[in-house]
Amino acid sequence: MGKLIRRGYALNRLQKAIADEKIVDLSKRIIQSTVHVGELLWQGKHGFCVANSDCRRVVHDNLDN
């Protein structure tokens, strides 16, 4: 249960840190080409998601498609 609470706290801090930012502007600053399992992703209308496998970041290749 402690791990879940720590993750919730971390997500809350992230949300506060980016509250005044536009997701589009933040996404343009990402230069990482590979996403690893367990990393946090922004998937448009789906919001924040956690990668369940390793993959490459490809424009327009997301959960919306």
PDB file of N, CA and C in Angstrom:
ATOM      1  N   MET A   1       0.831  -1.198   0.000  1.00  0.00           N
ATOM      2  CA  MET A   1       0.000   0.000   0.000  1.00  0.00           C
ATOM      3  C   MET A   1       0.872   1.257   0.000  1.00  0.00           C
ATOM      4  N   GLY A   2       2.028   1.225   0.640  1.00  0.00           N
ATOM      5  CA  GLY A   2       2.911   2.386   0.687  1.00  0.00           C
ATOM      6  C   GLY A   2       3.365   2.830  -0.690  1.00  0.00           C
ATOM      7  N   LYS A   3       3.612   1.868  -1.586  1.00  0.00           N
ATOM      8  CA  LYS A   3       4.046   2.182  -2.938  1.00  0.00           C
ATOM      9  C   LYS A   3       2.947   2.934  -3.690  1.00  0.00           C
ATOM     10  N   LEU A   4       1.713   2.517  -3.512  1.00  0.00           N
ATOM     11  CA  LEU A   4       0.571   3.158  -4.153  1.00  0.00           C
ATOM     12  C   LEU A   4       0.423   4.603  -3.666  1.00  0.00           C
ATOM     13  N   ILE A   5       0.591   4.811  -2.387  1.00  0.00           N
ATOM     14  CA  ILE A   5       0.490   6.166  -1.822  1.00  0.00           C
ATOM     15  C   ILE A   5       1.606   7.049  -2.363  1.00  0.00           C
ATOM     16  N   ARG A   6       2.822   6.517  -2.440  1.00  0.00           N
ATOM     17  CA  ARG A   6       3.943   7.296  -2.984  1.00  0.00           C
ATOM     18  C   ARG A   6       3.701   7.661  -4.446  1.00  0.00           C
ATOM     19  N   ARG A   7       3.154   6.737  -5.208  1.00  0.00           N
ATOM     20  CA  ARG A   7       2.863   7.014  -6.618  1.00  0.00           C
ATOM     21  C   ARG A   7       1.769   8.077  -6.750  1.00  0.00           C
ATOM     22  N   GLY A   8       0.761   7.983  -5.912  1.00  0.00           N
ATOM     23  CA  GLY A   8      -0.305   8.982  -5.919  1.00  0.00           C
ATOM     24  C   GLY A   8       0.226  10.362  -5.559  1.00  0.00           C
ATOM     25  N   TYR A   9       1.105  10.409  -4.578  1.00  0.00           N
ATOM     26  CA  TYR A   9       1.722  11.667  -4.165  1.00  0.00           C
ATOM     27  C   TYR A   9       2.561  12.243  -5.299  1.00  0.00           C
ATOM     28  N   ALA A  10       3.330  11.388  -5.970  1.00  0.00           N
ATOM     29  CA  ALA A  10       4.172  11.831  -7.087  1.00  0.00           C
ATOM     30  C   ALA A  10       3.310  12.361  -8.232  1.00  0.00           C
ATOM     31  N   LEU A  11       2.213  11.691  -8.545  1.00  0.00           N
ATOM     32  CA  LEU A  11       1.320  12.144  -9.610  1.00  0.00           C
ATOM     33  C   LEU A  11       0.689  13.483  -9.241  1.00  0.00           C
ATOM     34  N   ASN A  12       0.314  13.653  -7.984  1.00  0.00           N
ATOM     35  CA  ASN A  12      -0.248  14.911  -7.518  1.00  0.00           C
ATOM     36  C   ASN A  12       0.753  16.046  -7.682  1.00  0.00           C
ATOM     37  N   ARG A  13       2.000  15.784  -7.341  1.00  0.00           N
ATOM     38  CA  ARG A  13       3.050  16.806  -7.493  1.00  0.00           C
ATOM     39  C   ARG A  13       3.277  17.146  -8.961  1.00  0.00           C
ATOM     40  N   LEU A  14       3.230  16.137  -9.821  1.00  0.00           N
ATOM     41  CA  LEU A  14       3.378  16.382 -11.252  1.00  0.00           C
ATOM     42  C   LEU A  14       2.234  17.262 -11.756  1.00  0.00           C
ATOM     43  N   GLN A  15       1.017  16.930 -11.372  1.00  0.00           N
ATOM     44  CA  GLN A  15      -0.137  17.712 -11.817  1.00  0.00           C
ATOM     45  C   GLN A  15      -0.016  19.171 -11.373  1.00  0.00           C
ATOM     46  N   LYS A  16       0.439  19.387 -10.154  1.00  0.00           N
ATOM     47  CA  LYS A  16       0.620  20.760  -9.665  1.00  0.00           C
ATOM     48  C   LYS A  16       1.735  21.476 -10.427  1.00  0.00           C
ATOM     49  N   ALA A  17       2.801  20.753 -10.749  1.00  0.00           N
ATOM     50  CA  ALA A  17       3.945  21.349 -11.431  1.00  0.00           C
ATOM     51  C   ALA A  17       3.603  21.788 -12.856  1.00  0.00           C
ATOM     52  N   ILE A  18       2.683  21.092 -13.505  1.00  0.00           N
ATOM     53  CA  ILE A  18       2.355  21.418 -14.888  1.00  0.00           C
ATOM     54  C   ILE A  18       0.991  22.079 -15.040  1.00  0.00           C
ATOM     55  N   ALA A  19       0.365  22.430 -13.937  1.00  0.00           N
ATOM     56  CA  ALA A  19      -0.993  22.985 -13.971  1.00  0.00           C
ATOM     57  C   ALA A  19      -1.112  24.220 -14.859  1.00  0.00           C
ATOM     58  N   ASP A  20      -0.091  25.051 -14.891  1.00  0.00           N
ATOM     59  CA  ASP A  20      -0.146  26.285 -15.686  1.00  0.00           C
ATOM     60  C   ASP A  20       0.487  26.131 -17.068  1.00  0.00           C
ATOM     61  N   GLU A  21       0.847  24.923 -17.427  1.00  0.00           N
ATOM     62  CA  GLU A  21       1.485  24.650 -18.721  1.00  0.00           C
ATOM     63  C   GLU A  21       0.462  24.058 -19.686  1.00  0.00           C
ATOM     64  N   LYS A  22       0.692  24.262 -20.959  1.00  0.00           N
ATOM     65  CA  LYS A  22      -0.130  23.622 -21.984  1.00  0.00           C
ATOM     66  C   LYS A  22       0.567  22.324 -22.376  1.00  0.00           C
ATOM     67  N   ILE A  23      -0.185  21.239 -22.425  1.00  0.00           N
ATOM     68  CA  ILE A  23       0.377  19.931 -22.759  1.00  0.00           C
ATOM     69  C   ILE A  23       1.089  19.987 -24.112  1.00  0.00           C
ATOM     70  N   VAL A  24       0.521  20.702 -25.068  1.00  0.00           N
ATOM     71  CA  VAL A  24       1.131  20.813 -26.396  1.00  0.00           C
ATOM     72  C   VAL A  24       2.533  21.420 -26.286  1.00  0.00           C
ATOM     73  N   ASP A  25       2.678  22.461 -25.460  1.00  0.00           N
ATOM     74  CA  ASP A  25       3.983  23.090 -25.295  1.00  0.00           C
ATOM     75  C   ASP A  25       4.967  22.153 -24.597  1.00  0.00           C
ATOM     76  N   LEU A  26       4.485  21.424 -23.605  1.00  0.00           N
ATOM     77  CA  LEU A  26       5.359  20.468 -22.909  1.00  0.00           C
ATOM     78  C   LEU A  26       5.808  19.359 -23.841  1.00  0.00           C
ATOM     79  N   SER A  27       4.889  18.869 -24.662  1.00  0.00           N
ATOM     80  CA  SER A  27       5.227  17.746 -25.551  1.00  0.00           C
ATOM     81  C   SER A  27       6.309  18.120 -26.550  1.00  0.00           C
ATOM     82  N   LYS A  28       6.367  19.389 -26.950  1.00  0.00           N
ATOM     83  CA  LYS A  28       7.388  19.832 -27.909  1.00  0.00           C
ATOM     84  C   LYS A  28       8.782  19.812 -27.292  1.00  0.00           C
ATOM     85  N   ARG A  29       8.861  19.798 -25.969  1.00  0.00           N
ATOM     86  CA  ARG A  29      10.156  19.803 -25.293  1.00  0.00           C
ATOM     87  C   ARG A  29      10.713  18.398 -25.062  1.00  0.00           C
ATOM     88  N   ILE A  30       9.938  17.372 -25.383  1.00  0.00           N
ATOM     89  CA  ILE A  30      10.374  15.986 -25.186  1.00  0.00           C
ATOM     90  C   ILE A  30      11.262  15.571 -26.356  1.00  0.00           C
ATOM     91  N   ILE A  31      12.480  15.164 -26.047  1.00  0.00           N
ATOM     92  CA  ILE A  31      13.405  14.739 -27.098  1.00  0.00           C
ATOM     93  C   ILE A  31      13.687  13.231 -27.044  1.00  0.00           C
ATOM     94  N   GLN A  32      13.154  12.579 -26.058  1.00  0.00           N
ATOM     95  CA  GLN A  32      13.352  11.145 -25.869  1.00  0.00           C
ATOM     96  C   GLN A  32      12.668  10.377 -27.001  1.00  0.00           C
ATOM     97  N   SER A  33      13.386   9.475 -27.661  1.00  0.00           N
ATOM     98  CA  SER A  33      12.816   8.741 -28.787  1.00  0.00           C
ATOM     99  C   SER A  33      12.220   7.393 -28.384  1.00  0.00           C
ATOM    100  N   THR A  34      12.562   6.911 -27.198  1.00  0.00           N
ATOM    101  CA  THR A  34      12.076   5.609 -26.744  1.00  0.00           C
ATOM    102  C   THR A  34      11.320   5.761 -25.428  1.00  0.00           C
ATOM    103  N   VAL A  35      10.211   5.062 -25.324  1.00  0.00           N
ATOM    104  CA  VAL A  35       9.420   5.020 -24.092  1.00  0.00           C
ATOM    105  C   VAL A  35       9.616   3.636 -23.488  1.00  0.00           C
ATOM    106  N   HIS A  36       9.908   3.590 -22.213  1.00  0.00           N
ATOM    107  CA  HIS A  36      10.134   2.309 -21.542  1.00  0.00           C
ATOM    108  C   HIS A  36       8.939   1.936 -20.676  1.00  0.00           C
ATOM    109  N   VAL A  37       8.754   0.655 -20.491  1.00  0.00           N
ATOM    110  CA  VAL A  37       7.653   0.155 -19.680  1.00  0.00           C
ATOM    111  C   VAL A  37       7.649   0.875 -18.318  1.00  0.00           C
ATOM    112  N   GLY A  38       6.460   1.289 -17.894  1.00  0.00           N
ATOM    113  CA  GLY A  38       6.306   1.961 -16.608  1.00  0.00           C
ATOM    114  C   GLY A  38       6.393   3.471 -16.663  1.00  0.00           C
ATOM    115  N   GLU A  39       6.820   4.038 -17.807  1.00  0.00           N
ATOM    116  CA  GLU A  39       6.920   5.489 -17.909  1.00  0.00           C
ATOM    117  C   GLU A  39       5.553   6.117 -18.141  1.00  0.00           C
ATOM    118  N   LEU A  40       5.418   7.341 -17.673  1.00  0.00           N
ATOM    119  CA  LEU A  40       4.177   8.089 -17.784  1.00  0.00           C
ATOM    120  C   LEU A  40       4.090   8.743 -19.152  1.00  0.00           C
ATOM    121  N   LEU A  41       2.917   8.648 -19.774  1.00  0.00           N
ATOM    122  CA  LEU A  41       2.683   9.208 -21.102  1.00  0.00           C
ATOM    123  C   LEU A  41       1.437  10.079 -21.075  1.00  0.00           C
ATOM    124  N   TRP A  42       1.382  11.055 -21.974  1.00  0.00           N
ATOM    125  CA  TRP A  42       0.168  11.828 -22.182  1.00  0.00           C
ATOM    126  C   TRP A  42      -0.445  11.322 -23.475  1.00  0.00           C
ATOM    127  N   GLN A  43      -1.689  10.859 -23.414  1.00  0.00           N
ATOM    128  CA  GLN A  43      -2.342  10.282 -24.584  1.00  0.00           C
ATOM    129  C   GLN A  43      -3.628  11.025 -24.921  1.00  0.00           C
ATOM    130  N   GLY A  44      -3.512  12.329 -25.149  1.00  0.00           N
ATOM    131  CA  GLY A  44      -4.645  13.131 -25.607  1.00  0.00           C
ATOM    132  C   GLY A  44      -5.884  12.978 -24.756  1.00  0.00           C
ATOM    133  N   LYS A  45      -6.993  12.568 -25.383  1.00  0.00           N
ATOM    134  CA  LYS A  45      -8.272  12.477 -24.673  1.00  0.00           C
ATOM    135  C   LYS A  45      -8.254  11.439 -23.553  1.00  0.00           C
ATOM    136  N   HIS A  46      -7.260  10.562 -23.542  1.00  0.00           N
ATOM    137  CA  HIS A  46      -7.162   9.543 -22.500  1.00  0.00           C
ATOM    138  C   HIS A  46      -6.416  10.048 -21.270  1.00  0.00           C
ATOM    139  N   GLY A  47      -5.747  11.195 -21.391  1.00  0.00           N
ATOM    140  CA  GLY A  47      -4.995  11.759 -20.272  1.00  0.00           C
ATOM    141  C   GLY A  47      -3.685  11.036 -20.043  1.00  0.00           C
ATOM    142  N   PHE A  48      -3.269  10.995 -18.788  1.00  0.00           N
ATOM    143  CA  PHE A  48      -2.014  10.326 -18.449  1.00  0.00           C
ATOM    144  C   PHE A  48      -2.204   8.817 -18.447  1.00  0.00           C
ATOM    145  N   CYS A  49      -1.244   8.120 -19.030  1.00  0.00           N
ATOM    146  CA  CYS A  49      -1.245   6.657 -19.069  1.00  0.00           C
ATOM    147  C   CYS A  49       0.156   6.168 -18.715  1.00  0.00           C
ATOM    148  N   VAL A  50       0.257   4.909 -18.340  1.00  0.00           N
ATOM    149  CA  VAL A  50       1.547   4.295 -18.045  1.00  0.00           C
ATOM    150  C   VAL A  50       1.843   3.280 -19.142  1.00  0.00           C
ATOM    151  N   ALA A  51       3.018   3.364 -19.726  1.00  0.00           N
ATOM    152  CA  ALA A  51       3.404   2.439 -20.799  1.00  0.00           C
ATOM    153  C   ALA A  51       3.474   1.016 -20.256  1.00  0.00           C
ATOM    154  N   ASN A  52       2.823   0.086 -20.943  1.00  0.00           N
ATOM    155  CA  ASN A  52       2.869  -1.310 -20.494  1.00  0.00           C
ATOM    156  C   ASN A  52       3.872  -2.133 -21.295  1.00  0.00           C
ATOM    157  N   SER A  53       4.592  -1.460 -22.215  1.00  0.00           N
ATOM    158  CA  SER A  53       5.684  -2.111 -22.944  1.00  0.00           C
ATOM    159  C   SER A  53       6.614  -1.028 -23.482  1.00  0.00           C
ATOM    160  N   ASP A  54       7.827  -1.427 -23.832  1.00  0.00           N
ATOM    161  CA  ASP A  54       8.765  -0.501 -24.452  1.00  0.00           C
ATOM    162  C   ASP A  54       8.278  -0.188 -25.871  1.00  0.00           C
ATOM    163  N   CYS A  55       8.480   1.044 -26.307  1.00  0.00           N
ATOM    164  CA  CYS A  55       8.104   1.409 -27.668  1.00  0.00           C
ATOM    165  C   CYS A  55       8.857   2.658 -28.091  1.00  0.00           C
ATOM    166  N   ARG A  56       8.755   2.995 -29.349  1.00  0.00           N
ATOM    167  CA  ARG A  56       9.382   4.207 -29.877  1.00  0.00           C
ATOM    168  C   ARG A  56       8.326   5.293 -29.960  1.00  0.00           C
ATOM    169  N   ARG A  57       8.735   6.540 -29.723  1.00  0.00           N
ATOM    170  CA  ARG A  57       7.826   7.679 -29.872  1.00  0.00           C
ATOM    171  C   ARG A  57       7.722   7.997 -31.351  1.00  0.00           C
ATOM    172  N   VAL A  58       6.509   7.896 -31.892  1.00  0.00           N
ATOM    173  CA  VAL A  58       6.258   8.174 -33.284  1.00  0.00           C
ATOM    174  C   VAL A  58       5.069   9.136 -33.359  1.00  0.00           C
ATOM    175  N   VAL A  59       5.209  10.203 -34.139  1.00  0.00           N
ATOM    176  CA  VAL A  59       4.138  11.186 -34.271  1.00  0.00           C
ATOM    177  C   VAL A  59       2.858  10.494 -34.750  1.00  0.00           C
ATOM    178  N   HIS A  60       1.764  10.810 -34.110  1.00  0.00           N
ATOM    179  CA  HIS A  60       0.426  10.298 -34.416  1.00  0.00           C
ATOM    180  C   HIS A  60       0.268   8.786 -34.181  1.00  0.00           C
ATOM    181  N   ASP A  61       1.168   8.189 -33.442  1.00  0.00           N
ATOM    182  CA  ASP A  61       1.064   6.762 -33.109  1.00  0.00           C
ATOM    183  C   ASP A  61       0.778   6.675 -31.608  1.00  0.00           C
ATOM    184  N   ASN A  62      -0.504   6.728 -31.260  1.00  0.00           N
ATOM    185  CA  ASN A  62      -0.875   6.732 -29.852  1.00  0.00           C
ATOM    186  C   ASN A  62      -2.178   5.988 -29.633  1.00  0.00           C
ATOM    187  N   LEU A  63      -2.738   6.080 -28.445  1.00  0.00           N
ATOM    188  CA  LEU A  63      -3.969   5.359 -28.132  1.00  0.00           C
ATOM    189  C   LEU A  63      -5.164   5.857 -28.896  1.00  0.00           C
ATOM    190  N   ASP A  64      -5.112   7.080 -29.412  1.00  0.00           N
ATOM    191  CA  ASP A  64      -6.244   7.631 -30.143  1.00  0.00           C
ATOM    192  C   ASP A  64      -6.438   6.956 -31.500  1.00  0.00           C
ATOM    193  N   ASN A  65      -5.383   6.318 -32.024  1.00  0.00           N
ATOM    194  CA  ASN A  65      -5.454   5.720 -33.354  1.00  0.00           C
ATOM    195  C   ASN A  65      -5.951   4.302 -33.298  1.00  0.00           C
TER     196      ASN A  65
END
